[in-house]
Amino acid sequence: MNKCVFFTAKEGPNKEFSMAKLADESIISPLEVDEFLKQNRRFPCNLVLVHKRITNSGIIQSNDVPEKEFFDYQYNQFAYYLLSERLKNCIEENKGSKDSFSWISVPVSSENETRDYYIPMFESIPDVLDLELTTRVPANNAVLVPCFASEKLEGHNFFPKESSFGLLPRGIYVSESLKKILQKQKFDNIKFEKSKCSLEGVVVK
C-alpha cells in the first residue's frame, strides 16, 4: 500500500542556530512576502544568513556564520521550505507522475559566500485525504489531523495537504519511497514524522 510521512526540518539547537532572514525589512515587510511570491513568482530580494545564540541576557545575532551552517533545509524567518539546490534536484528527479509544483529561487548570503536555495510552490492541492477519517477543527473546518487515503496517494511523492497557506504550504509530505531516497543521500537538517494513513476506509498502523 501507499504510505507517506511528514517532511520537515529538525528542531533547532537549544542554544545556537543559523537563520535566513531579510537583510533590511524596509525593502518589504515580512507579512507581505507571501503575497509577493504568489503574484510575482520570484523572491523580492536576497536573504542573509545570520547566526543566533541564546544567552541568559537575550539572543545575540552575528553575521559570522560557519560554512557548515548552510543546511540542506535552511531555517528561515518565514517558515518556508527553503531547500538547497542538491535537495531540490533530488526531489525534482524523483517527483511522482501526479505531482505538480514549481520552484522559486532565493539567493542566501553569508559574509563569505552566496548559495542558491529554492522554495516549492504548488499551483493546486491534490485530493489525497481520507475525508471521513481526517480530523477537522469544528469552528473553521481546518484540517487538524490529516488522514491520507492510500488509494489516492498513487503517483504522489512530494505534496502538501489542504491548508490556509494555499500555494505556499507550511506542511509537505513525501512518499515512503522518496523518504528512503532522501535518507540514502544523507541530506542534513531534515526529519520525517509518521502520518496517519488509511486503506479502504480503515486506518493502517
N, C-alpha and C. Protein backbone atom coordinates (compact mmCIF):
# COMPACT_ATOMS: atom_id res chain seq x y z
N MET A 1 0.84 -1.20 0.00
CA MET A 1 0.00 0.00 0.00
C MET A 1 0.87 1.25 0.00
N ASN A 2 0.28 2.36 -0.42
CA ASN A 2 1.00 3.63 -0.44
C ASN A 2 0.88 4.31 0.93
N LYS A 3 2.02 4.75 1.44
CA LYS A 3 2.03 5.48 2.71
C LYS A 3 2.89 6.73 2.55
N CYS A 4 2.73 7.67 3.45
CA CYS A 4 3.51 8.91 3.38
C CYS A 4 3.92 9.34 4.78
N VAL A 5 4.88 10.27 4.83
CA VAL A 5 5.35 10.82 6.10
C VAL A 5 5.46 12.33 5.97
N PHE A 6 5.38 12.99 7.12
CA PHE A 6 5.54 14.45 7.16
C PHE A 6 7.02 14.78 7.02
N PHE A 7 7.34 15.72 6.14
CA PHE A 7 8.72 16.12 5.84
C PHE A 7 8.96 17.50 6.42
N THR A 8 9.95 17.63 7.29
CA THR A 8 10.18 18.92 7.93
C THR A 8 11.64 19.06 8.35
N ALA A 9 11.96 20.20 8.96
CA ALA A 9 13.31 20.43 9.47
C ALA A 9 13.41 19.90 10.89
N LYS A 10 14.61 19.56 11.29
CA LYS A 10 14.84 19.17 12.68
C LYS A 10 14.60 20.39 13.57
N GLU A 11 14.26 20.12 14.82
CA GLU A 11 14.12 21.22 15.76
C GLU A 11 15.47 21.91 15.91
N GLY A 12 15.44 23.21 16.02
CA GLY A 12 16.67 23.96 16.15
C GLY A 12 17.41 23.62 17.44
N PRO A 13 18.73 23.75 17.43
CA PRO A 13 19.51 23.52 18.65
C PRO A 13 19.04 24.44 19.77
N ASN A 14 19.26 24.04 21.00
CA ASN A 14 18.77 24.82 22.14
C ASN A 14 19.44 26.19 22.26
N LYS A 15 20.71 26.27 21.89
CA LYS A 15 21.48 27.49 22.18
C LYS A 15 21.92 28.26 20.93
N GLU A 16 22.27 27.55 19.85
CA GLU A 16 22.81 28.22 18.67
C GLU A 16 22.21 27.66 17.40
N PHE A 17 21.99 28.55 16.42
CA PHE A 17 21.43 28.11 15.13
C PHE A 17 21.63 29.21 14.11
N SER A 18 21.57 28.83 12.83
CA SER A 18 21.63 29.82 11.75
C SER A 18 20.24 30.01 11.17
N MET A 19 19.96 31.21 10.67
CA MET A 19 18.66 31.51 10.11
C MET A 19 18.80 32.46 8.92
N ALA A 20 18.04 32.18 7.86
CA ALA A 20 17.98 33.08 6.71
C ALA A 20 16.88 34.09 6.95
N LYS A 21 17.17 35.37 6.76
CA LYS A 21 16.20 36.42 7.04
C LYS A 21 16.38 37.60 6.10
N LEU A 22 15.42 38.49 6.12
CA LEU A 22 15.55 39.72 5.35
C LEU A 22 16.71 40.54 5.90
N ALA A 23 17.51 41.09 5.00
CA ALA A 23 18.62 41.93 5.44
C ALA A 23 18.10 43.27 5.94
N ASP A 24 17.10 43.79 5.27
CA ASP A 24 16.56 45.10 5.60
C ASP A 24 15.05 45.05 5.42
N GLU A 25 14.32 45.11 6.51
CA GLU A 25 12.87 44.97 6.42
C GLU A 25 12.19 46.19 5.83
N SER A 26 12.96 47.23 5.51
CA SER A 26 12.36 48.38 4.81
C SER A 26 12.14 48.04 3.33
N ILE A 27 12.83 46.97 2.83
CA ILE A 27 12.64 46.55 1.44
C ILE A 27 11.22 46.03 1.25
N ILE A 28 10.79 45.19 2.17
CA ILE A 28 9.45 44.63 2.15
C ILE A 28 9.13 44.10 3.54
N SER A 29 7.91 44.26 3.96
CA SER A 29 7.51 43.74 5.26
C SER A 29 7.44 42.22 5.20
N PRO A 30 7.88 41.53 6.26
CA PRO A 30 7.77 40.06 6.27
C PRO A 30 6.34 39.58 6.03
N LEU A 31 5.37 40.37 6.46
CA LEU A 31 3.97 40.00 6.29
C LEU A 31 3.51 40.09 4.84
N GLU A 32 4.28 40.77 4.00
CA GLU A 32 3.90 40.96 2.60
C GLU A 32 4.57 39.95 1.66
N VAL A 33 5.50 39.16 2.17
CA VAL A 33 6.29 38.29 1.31
C VAL A 33 5.43 37.20 0.66
N ASP A 34 4.53 36.57 1.42
CA ASP A 34 3.67 35.53 0.85
C ASP A 34 2.93 36.03 -0.38
N GLU A 35 2.30 37.18 -0.25
CA GLU A 35 1.50 37.70 -1.36
C GLU A 35 2.39 38.10 -2.53
N PHE A 36 3.58 38.62 -2.25
CA PHE A 36 4.52 38.98 -3.32
C PHE A 36 4.91 37.74 -4.13
N LEU A 37 5.21 36.65 -3.44
CA LEU A 37 5.61 35.42 -4.13
C LEU A 37 4.48 34.88 -5.00
N LYS A 38 3.26 34.91 -4.49
CA LYS A 38 2.12 34.39 -5.24
C LYS A 38 1.85 35.22 -6.50
N GLN A 39 2.06 36.51 -6.41
CA GLN A 39 1.77 37.39 -7.55
C GLN A 39 2.91 37.45 -8.55
N ASN A 40 4.15 37.38 -8.07
CA ASN A 40 5.30 37.61 -8.94
C ASN A 40 6.14 36.37 -9.25
N ARG A 41 5.92 35.29 -8.53
CA ARG A 41 6.66 34.04 -8.75
C ARG A 41 8.18 34.24 -8.65
N ARG A 42 8.59 35.13 -7.81
CA ARG A 42 10.01 35.35 -7.54
C ARG A 42 10.15 35.94 -6.15
N PHE A 43 11.36 35.82 -5.58
CA PHE A 43 11.59 36.38 -4.26
C PHE A 43 11.98 37.85 -4.41
N PRO A 44 11.52 38.74 -3.54
CA PRO A 44 11.76 40.16 -3.73
C PRO A 44 13.20 40.61 -3.51
N CYS A 45 14.02 39.78 -2.86
CA CYS A 45 15.39 40.20 -2.54
C CYS A 45 16.19 38.99 -2.07
N ASN A 46 17.48 39.19 -1.88
CA ASN A 46 18.31 38.15 -1.27
C ASN A 46 17.96 38.03 0.22
N LEU A 47 18.26 36.87 0.77
CA LEU A 47 18.20 36.70 2.21
C LEU A 47 19.62 36.61 2.75
N VAL A 48 19.80 37.00 3.99
CA VAL A 48 21.11 36.89 4.61
C VAL A 48 21.06 35.81 5.68
N LEU A 49 22.17 35.11 5.82
CA LEU A 49 22.27 34.06 6.81
C LEU A 49 22.95 34.64 8.04
N VAL A 50 22.27 34.56 9.16
CA VAL A 50 22.83 35.08 10.41
C VAL A 50 22.92 33.95 11.42
N HIS A 51 23.81 34.12 12.37
CA HIS A 51 23.99 33.14 13.43
C HIS A 51 23.37 33.71 14.70
N LYS A 52 22.51 32.94 15.34
CA LYS A 52 21.87 33.39 16.57
C LYS A 52 22.30 32.51 17.73
N ARG A 53 22.58 33.15 18.85
CA ARG A 53 22.97 32.43 20.05
C ARG A 53 22.11 32.90 21.21
N ILE A 54 21.48 31.94 21.90
CA ILE A 54 20.61 32.27 23.02
C ILE A 54 21.43 32.30 24.30
N THR A 55 21.39 33.43 24.98
CA THR A 55 22.12 33.58 26.24
C THR A 55 21.14 33.96 27.35
N ASN A 56 21.64 34.02 28.56
CA ASN A 56 20.78 34.40 29.69
C ASN A 56 20.28 35.83 29.58
N SER A 57 21.00 36.65 28.83
CA SER A 57 20.62 38.06 28.70
C SER A 57 19.89 38.35 27.39
N GLY A 58 19.59 37.30 26.62
CA GLY A 58 18.85 37.51 25.37
C GLY A 58 19.51 36.81 24.19
N ILE A 59 19.01 37.09 22.99
CA ILE A 59 19.53 36.49 21.76
C ILE A 59 20.59 37.40 21.15
N ILE A 60 21.76 36.84 20.91
CA ILE A 60 22.84 37.57 20.27
C ILE A 60 22.93 37.14 18.81
N GLN A 61 22.90 38.13 17.90
CA GLN A 61 22.94 37.83 16.47
C GLN A 61 24.28 38.25 15.87
N SER A 62 24.81 37.39 15.01
CA SER A 62 26.10 37.66 14.37
C SER A 62 26.01 37.31 12.90
N ASN A 63 26.77 38.04 12.07
CA ASN A 63 26.85 37.73 10.64
C ASN A 63 27.95 36.71 10.33
N ASP A 64 28.70 36.33 11.35
CA ASP A 64 29.79 35.38 11.16
C ASP A 64 29.22 33.96 11.27
N VAL A 65 28.87 33.37 10.11
CA VAL A 65 28.20 32.07 10.09
C VAL A 65 29.16 31.00 9.60
N PRO A 66 29.35 29.92 10.35
CA PRO A 66 30.23 28.83 9.88
C PRO A 66 29.69 28.22 8.59
N GLU A 67 30.57 27.76 7.73
CA GLU A 67 30.17 27.16 6.45
C GLU A 67 29.20 26.01 6.66
N LYS A 68 29.41 25.23 7.70
CA LYS A 68 28.59 24.05 7.93
C LYS A 68 27.14 24.42 8.25
N GLU A 69 26.86 25.69 8.52
CA GLU A 69 25.50 26.08 8.87
C GLU A 69 24.66 26.48 7.66
N PHE A 70 25.15 26.26 6.46
CA PHE A 70 24.30 26.30 5.27
C PHE A 70 23.67 24.91 5.17
N PHE A 71 22.49 24.75 5.75
CA PHE A 71 21.86 23.43 5.79
C PHE A 71 21.11 23.13 4.50
N ASP A 72 20.87 21.83 4.24
CA ASP A 72 20.05 21.45 3.09
C ASP A 72 18.62 21.94 3.27
N TYR A 73 18.12 21.91 4.49
CA TYR A 73 16.83 22.50 4.82
C TYR A 73 17.15 23.66 5.75
N GLN A 74 17.06 24.88 5.24
CA GLN A 74 17.56 26.03 5.98
C GLN A 74 16.46 26.69 6.81
N TYR A 75 16.73 26.86 8.11
CA TYR A 75 15.82 27.62 8.95
C TYR A 75 15.67 29.02 8.36
N ASN A 76 14.46 29.59 8.45
CA ASN A 76 14.25 30.95 7.94
C ASN A 76 13.08 31.60 8.67
N GLN A 77 13.03 32.90 8.63
CA GLN A 77 12.05 33.63 9.43
C GLN A 77 10.62 33.46 8.94
N PHE A 78 10.43 32.90 7.75
CA PHE A 78 9.08 32.75 7.19
C PHE A 78 8.51 31.35 7.37
N ALA A 79 9.31 30.42 7.86
CA ALA A 79 8.91 29.00 7.97
C ALA A 79 8.63 28.38 6.61
N TYR A 80 9.28 28.90 5.55
CA TYR A 80 9.17 28.29 4.23
C TYR A 80 10.01 27.01 4.17
N TYR A 81 9.68 26.16 3.21
CA TYR A 81 10.56 25.04 2.88
C TYR A 81 11.68 25.63 2.02
N LEU A 82 12.76 26.04 2.65
CA LEU A 82 13.89 26.67 1.98
C LEU A 82 14.97 25.60 1.81
N LEU A 83 15.07 25.05 0.59
CA LEU A 83 15.86 23.85 0.35
C LEU A 83 17.08 24.13 -0.52
N SER A 84 18.16 23.42 -0.24
CA SER A 84 19.39 23.57 -1.01
C SER A 84 19.18 23.09 -2.45
N GLU A 85 20.08 23.49 -3.33
CA GLU A 85 19.97 23.07 -4.73
C GLU A 85 20.07 21.56 -4.86
N ARG A 86 20.93 20.94 -4.09
CA ARG A 86 21.10 19.49 -4.16
C ARG A 86 19.82 18.77 -3.71
N LEU A 87 19.20 19.25 -2.64
CA LEU A 87 17.97 18.65 -2.16
C LEU A 87 16.83 18.89 -3.15
N LYS A 88 16.75 20.10 -3.67
CA LYS A 88 15.72 20.42 -4.67
C LYS A 88 15.86 19.52 -5.90
N ASN A 89 17.08 19.32 -6.38
CA ASN A 89 17.31 18.48 -7.57
C ASN A 89 16.90 17.04 -7.31
N CYS A 90 17.19 16.53 -6.13
CA CYS A 90 16.82 15.15 -5.79
C CYS A 90 15.30 15.00 -5.79
N ILE A 91 14.60 15.94 -5.21
CA ILE A 91 13.13 15.89 -5.18
C ILE A 91 12.57 15.97 -6.59
N GLU A 92 13.13 16.86 -7.41
CA GLU A 92 12.66 17.04 -8.78
C GLU A 92 12.87 15.76 -9.59
N GLU A 93 14.00 15.13 -9.41
CA GLU A 93 14.31 13.90 -10.16
C GLU A 93 13.42 12.73 -9.75
N ASN A 94 12.83 12.81 -8.57
CA ASN A 94 12.03 11.68 -8.07
C ASN A 94 10.58 12.07 -7.82
N LYS A 95 10.10 13.11 -8.50
CA LYS A 95 8.71 13.54 -8.33
C LYS A 95 7.78 12.47 -8.89
N GLY A 96 6.58 12.39 -8.32
CA GLY A 96 5.60 11.44 -8.78
C GLY A 96 4.92 11.90 -10.06
N SER A 97 4.28 10.96 -10.75
CA SER A 97 3.64 11.28 -12.03
C SER A 97 2.49 12.27 -11.89
N LYS A 98 1.92 12.37 -10.68
CA LYS A 98 0.81 13.30 -10.46
C LYS A 98 1.22 14.54 -9.66
N ASP A 99 2.50 14.64 -9.32
CA ASP A 99 2.96 15.81 -8.57
C ASP A 99 3.03 17.03 -9.49
N SER A 100 2.65 18.18 -8.96
CA SER A 100 2.68 19.42 -9.74
C SER A 100 3.15 20.57 -8.86
N PHE A 101 4.40 20.98 -9.09
CA PHE A 101 4.95 22.09 -8.31
C PHE A 101 6.06 22.75 -9.11
N SER A 102 6.39 23.97 -8.73
CA SER A 102 7.50 24.71 -9.34
C SER A 102 8.38 25.23 -8.21
N TRP A 103 9.46 25.90 -8.58
CA TRP A 103 10.42 26.36 -7.57
C TRP A 103 10.68 27.86 -7.70
N ILE A 104 10.80 28.52 -6.58
CA ILE A 104 11.21 29.93 -6.53
C ILE A 104 12.63 29.99 -5.99
N SER A 105 13.52 30.58 -6.77
CA SER A 105 14.93 30.65 -6.38
C SER A 105 15.14 31.81 -5.39
N VAL A 106 15.97 31.54 -4.37
CA VAL A 106 16.27 32.55 -3.36
C VAL A 106 17.76 32.52 -3.04
N PRO A 107 18.52 33.55 -3.41
CA PRO A 107 19.92 33.60 -3.00
C PRO A 107 20.03 33.87 -1.49
N VAL A 108 20.84 33.09 -0.82
CA VAL A 108 21.07 33.27 0.61
C VAL A 108 22.56 33.54 0.81
N SER A 109 22.88 34.63 1.48
CA SER A 109 24.27 35.08 1.59
C SER A 109 24.75 35.15 3.02
N SER A 110 25.97 34.66 3.24
CA SER A 110 26.68 34.93 4.48
C SER A 110 27.72 36.00 4.15
N GLU A 111 28.59 36.30 5.08
CA GLU A 111 29.63 37.30 4.79
C GLU A 111 30.62 36.79 3.75
N ASN A 112 30.74 35.45 3.62
CA ASN A 112 31.78 34.88 2.78
C ASN A 112 31.30 34.29 1.46
N GLU A 113 30.02 33.95 1.36
CA GLU A 113 29.54 33.31 0.13
C GLU A 113 28.03 33.45 -0.01
N THR A 114 27.57 33.14 -1.23
CA THR A 114 26.14 33.13 -1.52
C THR A 114 25.78 31.78 -2.14
N ARG A 115 24.69 31.20 -1.67
CA ARG A 115 24.22 29.93 -2.22
C ARG A 115 22.77 30.08 -2.65
N ASP A 116 22.39 29.37 -3.70
CA ASP A 116 21.01 29.40 -4.17
C ASP A 116 20.18 28.37 -3.41
N TYR A 117 19.05 28.84 -2.91
CA TYR A 117 18.07 27.97 -2.26
C TYR A 117 16.76 28.05 -3.04
N TYR A 118 15.84 27.12 -2.72
CA TYR A 118 14.61 27.02 -3.50
C TYR A 118 13.41 26.76 -2.61
N ILE A 119 12.31 27.43 -2.92
CA ILE A 119 11.04 27.26 -2.21
C ILE A 119 10.06 26.58 -3.16
N PRO A 120 9.45 25.47 -2.78
CA PRO A 120 8.45 24.84 -3.66
C PRO A 120 7.13 25.59 -3.62
N MET A 121 6.50 25.75 -4.79
CA MET A 121 5.19 26.39 -4.89
C MET A 121 4.24 25.43 -5.60
N PHE A 122 3.08 25.23 -5.02
CA PHE A 122 2.09 24.30 -5.56
C PHE A 122 0.92 25.08 -6.15
N GLU A 123 0.61 24.81 -7.42
CA GLU A 123 -0.50 25.50 -8.07
C GLU A 123 -1.85 24.97 -7.61
N SER A 124 -1.88 23.75 -7.11
CA SER A 124 -3.13 23.17 -6.63
C SER A 124 -2.83 22.18 -5.51
N ILE A 125 -3.83 21.94 -4.69
CA ILE A 125 -3.68 20.99 -3.59
C ILE A 125 -4.29 19.66 -4.02
N PRO A 126 -3.52 18.58 -4.03
CA PRO A 126 -4.04 17.30 -4.52
C PRO A 126 -5.10 16.71 -3.58
N ASP A 127 -5.98 15.93 -4.16
CA ASP A 127 -7.02 15.24 -3.41
C ASP A 127 -6.43 13.94 -2.87
N VAL A 128 -5.86 13.98 -1.68
CA VAL A 128 -5.18 12.80 -1.11
C VAL A 128 -5.71 12.41 0.26
N LEU A 129 -6.64 13.19 0.81
CA LEU A 129 -7.13 12.91 2.16
C LEU A 129 -8.28 11.92 2.18
N ASP A 130 -8.30 11.11 3.23
CA ASP A 130 -9.48 10.30 3.54
C ASP A 130 -10.40 11.24 4.31
N LEU A 131 -11.43 11.74 3.64
CA LEU A 131 -12.28 12.79 4.22
C LEU A 131 -13.02 12.32 5.46
N GLU A 132 -13.33 11.04 5.54
CA GLU A 132 -14.07 10.51 6.69
C GLU A 132 -13.18 10.40 7.93
N LEU A 133 -11.92 10.09 7.72
CA LEU A 133 -11.02 9.84 8.86
C LEU A 133 -10.11 11.01 9.20
N THR A 134 -10.18 12.08 8.43
CA THR A 134 -9.42 13.30 8.73
C THR A 134 -10.15 14.09 9.81
N THR A 135 -9.41 14.51 10.84
CA THR A 135 -9.98 15.30 11.93
C THR A 135 -9.87 16.78 11.61
N ARG A 136 -10.99 17.51 11.76
CA ARG A 136 -11.00 18.93 11.45
C ARG A 136 -11.40 19.75 12.67
N VAL A 137 -11.06 21.03 12.64
CA VAL A 137 -11.45 21.97 13.70
C VAL A 137 -12.90 22.37 13.46
N PRO A 138 -13.79 22.12 14.40
CA PRO A 138 -15.21 22.41 14.19
C PRO A 138 -15.49 23.87 13.83
N ALA A 139 -14.73 24.79 14.41
CA ALA A 139 -15.02 26.21 14.22
C ALA A 139 -14.83 26.69 12.79
N ASN A 140 -13.77 26.18 12.12
CA ASN A 140 -13.48 26.69 10.76
C ASN A 140 -13.23 25.59 9.73
N ASN A 141 -13.38 24.34 10.13
CA ASN A 141 -13.23 23.19 9.23
C ASN A 141 -11.79 22.97 8.76
N ALA A 142 -10.83 23.63 9.41
CA ALA A 142 -9.41 23.44 9.05
C ALA A 142 -8.96 22.04 9.45
N VAL A 143 -8.02 21.50 8.68
CA VAL A 143 -7.50 20.16 8.98
C VAL A 143 -6.67 20.19 10.25
N LEU A 144 -7.04 19.37 11.21
CA LEU A 144 -6.31 19.28 12.47
C LEU A 144 -5.36 18.08 12.43
N VAL A 145 -5.89 16.90 12.15
CA VAL A 145 -5.09 15.69 12.00
C VAL A 145 -5.45 15.06 10.66
N PRO A 146 -4.58 15.15 9.66
CA PRO A 146 -4.91 14.58 8.36
C PRO A 146 -4.81 13.06 8.36
N CYS A 147 -5.63 12.43 7.56
CA CYS A 147 -5.51 11.00 7.30
C CYS A 147 -5.46 10.85 5.79
N PHE A 148 -4.42 10.22 5.29
CA PHE A 148 -4.22 10.10 3.85
C PHE A 148 -4.73 8.75 3.35
N ALA A 149 -5.52 8.79 2.28
CA ALA A 149 -6.05 7.58 1.69
C ALA A 149 -5.01 6.94 0.78
N SER A 150 -4.64 5.71 1.08
CA SER A 150 -3.62 5.02 0.30
C SER A 150 -3.96 4.99 -1.19
N GLU A 151 -5.23 4.81 -1.50
CA GLU A 151 -5.66 4.73 -2.89
C GLU A 151 -5.40 6.04 -3.64
N LYS A 152 -5.43 7.17 -2.92
CA LYS A 152 -5.26 8.48 -3.55
C LYS A 152 -3.79 8.91 -3.64
N LEU A 153 -2.92 8.18 -2.94
CA LEU A 153 -1.50 8.58 -2.90
C LEU A 153 -0.72 8.09 -4.11
N GLU A 154 -1.29 7.23 -4.91
CA GLU A 154 -0.61 6.70 -6.09
C GLU A 154 -0.22 7.85 -7.01
N GLY A 155 1.08 7.93 -7.39
CA GLY A 155 1.56 8.98 -8.27
C GLY A 155 2.00 10.25 -7.56
N HIS A 156 1.93 10.25 -6.22
CA HIS A 156 2.34 11.43 -5.44
C HIS A 156 3.54 11.07 -4.57
N ASN A 157 4.65 11.78 -4.77
CA ASN A 157 5.85 11.60 -3.95
C ASN A 157 6.17 12.82 -3.09
N PHE A 158 5.70 14.00 -3.50
CA PHE A 158 6.05 15.26 -2.82
C PHE A 158 4.84 16.17 -2.95
N PHE A 159 4.12 16.40 -1.86
CA PHE A 159 2.83 17.07 -1.98
C PHE A 159 2.42 17.70 -0.65
N PRO A 160 1.56 18.72 -0.70
CA PRO A 160 1.04 19.33 0.52
C PRO A 160 -0.33 18.77 0.88
N LYS A 161 -0.78 19.07 2.05
CA LYS A 161 -2.17 18.80 2.40
C LYS A 161 -2.93 20.12 2.31
N GLU A 162 -4.21 20.02 2.38
CA GLU A 162 -5.06 21.20 2.39
C GLU A 162 -4.65 22.12 3.54
N SER A 163 -4.45 23.42 3.26
CA SER A 163 -4.07 24.35 4.32
C SER A 163 -4.44 25.77 3.94
N SER A 164 -4.42 26.64 4.94
CA SER A 164 -4.78 28.04 4.71
C SER A 164 -3.68 28.80 3.98
N PHE A 165 -2.48 28.19 3.85
CA PHE A 165 -1.38 28.88 3.18
C PHE A 165 -1.42 28.73 1.66
N GLY A 166 -2.31 27.88 1.15
CA GLY A 166 -2.51 27.78 -0.29
C GLY A 166 -1.28 27.35 -1.05
N LEU A 167 -0.80 28.23 -1.96
CA LEU A 167 0.29 27.90 -2.86
C LEU A 167 1.62 27.67 -2.14
N LEU A 168 1.74 28.21 -0.93
CA LEU A 168 2.99 28.12 -0.18
C LEU A 168 2.76 27.39 1.15
N PRO A 169 2.44 26.11 1.09
CA PRO A 169 2.10 25.37 2.31
C PRO A 169 3.27 25.25 3.27
N ARG A 170 2.96 25.23 4.55
CA ARG A 170 3.99 25.03 5.57
C ARG A 170 4.04 23.58 6.01
N GLY A 171 3.27 22.73 5.34
CA GLY A 171 3.29 21.31 5.65
C GLY A 171 3.36 20.49 4.37
N ILE A 172 4.47 19.77 4.16
CA ILE A 172 4.65 18.96 2.95
C ILE A 172 4.92 17.51 3.36
N TYR A 173 4.39 16.61 2.57
CA TYR A 173 4.52 15.17 2.84
C TYR A 173 5.25 14.50 1.69
N VAL A 174 5.94 13.42 2.01
CA VAL A 174 6.65 12.66 0.98
C VAL A 174 6.27 11.18 1.10
N SER A 175 6.35 10.48 -0.01
CA SER A 175 6.07 9.04 -0.02
C SER A 175 7.18 8.29 0.71
N GLU A 176 6.87 7.06 1.09
CA GLU A 176 7.88 6.22 1.74
C GLU A 176 9.08 6.01 0.81
N SER A 177 8.83 5.89 -0.50
CA SER A 177 9.93 5.66 -1.44
C SER A 177 10.85 6.87 -1.52
N LEU A 178 10.27 8.09 -1.56
CA LEU A 178 11.11 9.29 -1.59
C LEU A 178 11.83 9.48 -0.26
N LYS A 179 11.18 9.16 0.82
CA LYS A 179 11.83 9.24 2.13
C LYS A 179 13.13 8.42 2.13
N LYS A 180 13.07 7.19 1.61
CA LYS A 180 14.24 6.31 1.60
C LYS A 180 15.36 6.90 0.74
N ILE A 181 14.99 7.52 -0.38
CA ILE A 181 15.98 8.15 -1.26
C ILE A 181 16.66 9.31 -0.54
N LEU A 182 15.87 10.15 0.12
CA LEU A 182 16.43 11.30 0.83
C LEU A 182 17.34 10.85 1.98
N GLN A 183 16.95 9.80 2.66
CA GLN A 183 17.79 9.28 3.74
C GLN A 183 19.10 8.73 3.21
N LYS A 184 19.04 8.05 2.07
CA LYS A 184 20.24 7.47 1.48
C LYS A 184 21.22 8.55 1.04
N GLN A 185 20.69 9.69 0.58
CA GLN A 185 21.54 10.80 0.13
C GLN A 185 22.14 11.59 1.29
N LYS A 186 21.66 11.31 2.51
CA LYS A 186 22.22 11.93 3.73
C LYS A 186 22.13 13.46 3.73
N PHE A 187 20.97 13.98 3.36
CA PHE A 187 20.76 15.43 3.47
C PHE A 187 20.70 15.81 4.94
N ASP A 188 21.25 16.97 5.27
CA ASP A 188 21.27 17.37 6.67
C ASP A 188 20.06 18.23 7.05
N ASN A 189 19.77 18.22 8.33
CA ASN A 189 18.72 19.04 8.93
C ASN A 189 17.32 18.69 8.46
N ILE A 190 17.07 17.46 8.06
CA ILE A 190 15.72 17.05 7.71
C ILE A 190 15.28 15.90 8.61
N LYS A 191 13.97 15.79 8.80
CA LYS A 191 13.45 14.66 9.57
C LYS A 191 12.07 14.30 9.01
N PHE A 192 11.61 13.12 9.40
CA PHE A 192 10.33 12.60 8.92
C PHE A 192 9.49 12.18 10.12
N GLU A 193 8.21 12.50 10.07
CA GLU A 193 7.30 12.13 11.14
C GLU A 193 6.18 11.27 10.58
N LYS A 194 5.81 10.25 11.31
CA LYS A 194 4.78 9.33 10.87
C LYS A 194 3.46 10.05 10.63
N SER A 195 2.75 9.66 9.57
CA SER A 195 1.46 10.25 9.24
C SER A 195 0.37 9.18 9.29
N LYS A 196 -0.83 9.61 9.58
CA LYS A 196 -1.98 8.71 9.62
C LYS A 196 -2.43 8.38 8.20
N CYS A 197 -2.53 7.10 7.87
CA CYS A 197 -2.94 6.66 6.55
C CYS A 197 -4.02 5.60 6.66
N SER A 198 -4.84 5.50 5.62
CA SER A 198 -5.91 4.51 5.62
C SER A 198 -5.88 3.70 4.34
N LEU A 199 -6.50 2.52 4.41
CA LEU A 199 -6.66 1.68 3.24
C LEU A 199 -8.10 1.19 3.22
N GLU A 200 -8.82 1.55 2.17
CA GLU A 200 -10.23 1.19 2.03
C GLU A 200 -11.03 1.60 3.26
N GLY A 201 -10.74 2.81 3.76
CA GLY A 201 -11.51 3.37 4.86
C GLY A 201 -11.14 2.91 6.25
N VAL A 202 -10.03 2.15 6.36
CA VAL A 202 -9.58 1.67 7.67
C VAL A 202 -8.17 2.18 7.93
N VAL A 203 -7.96 2.77 9.12
CA VAL A 203 -6.64 3.30 9.48
C VAL A 203 -5.63 2.16 9.56
N VAL A 204 -4.48 2.35 8.93
CA VAL A 204 -3.42 1.34 8.92
C VAL A 204 -2.34 1.73 9.91
N LYS A 205 -2.01 0.85 10.79
CA LYS A 205 -0.97 1.12 11.79
C LYS A 205 0.42 1.00 11.19
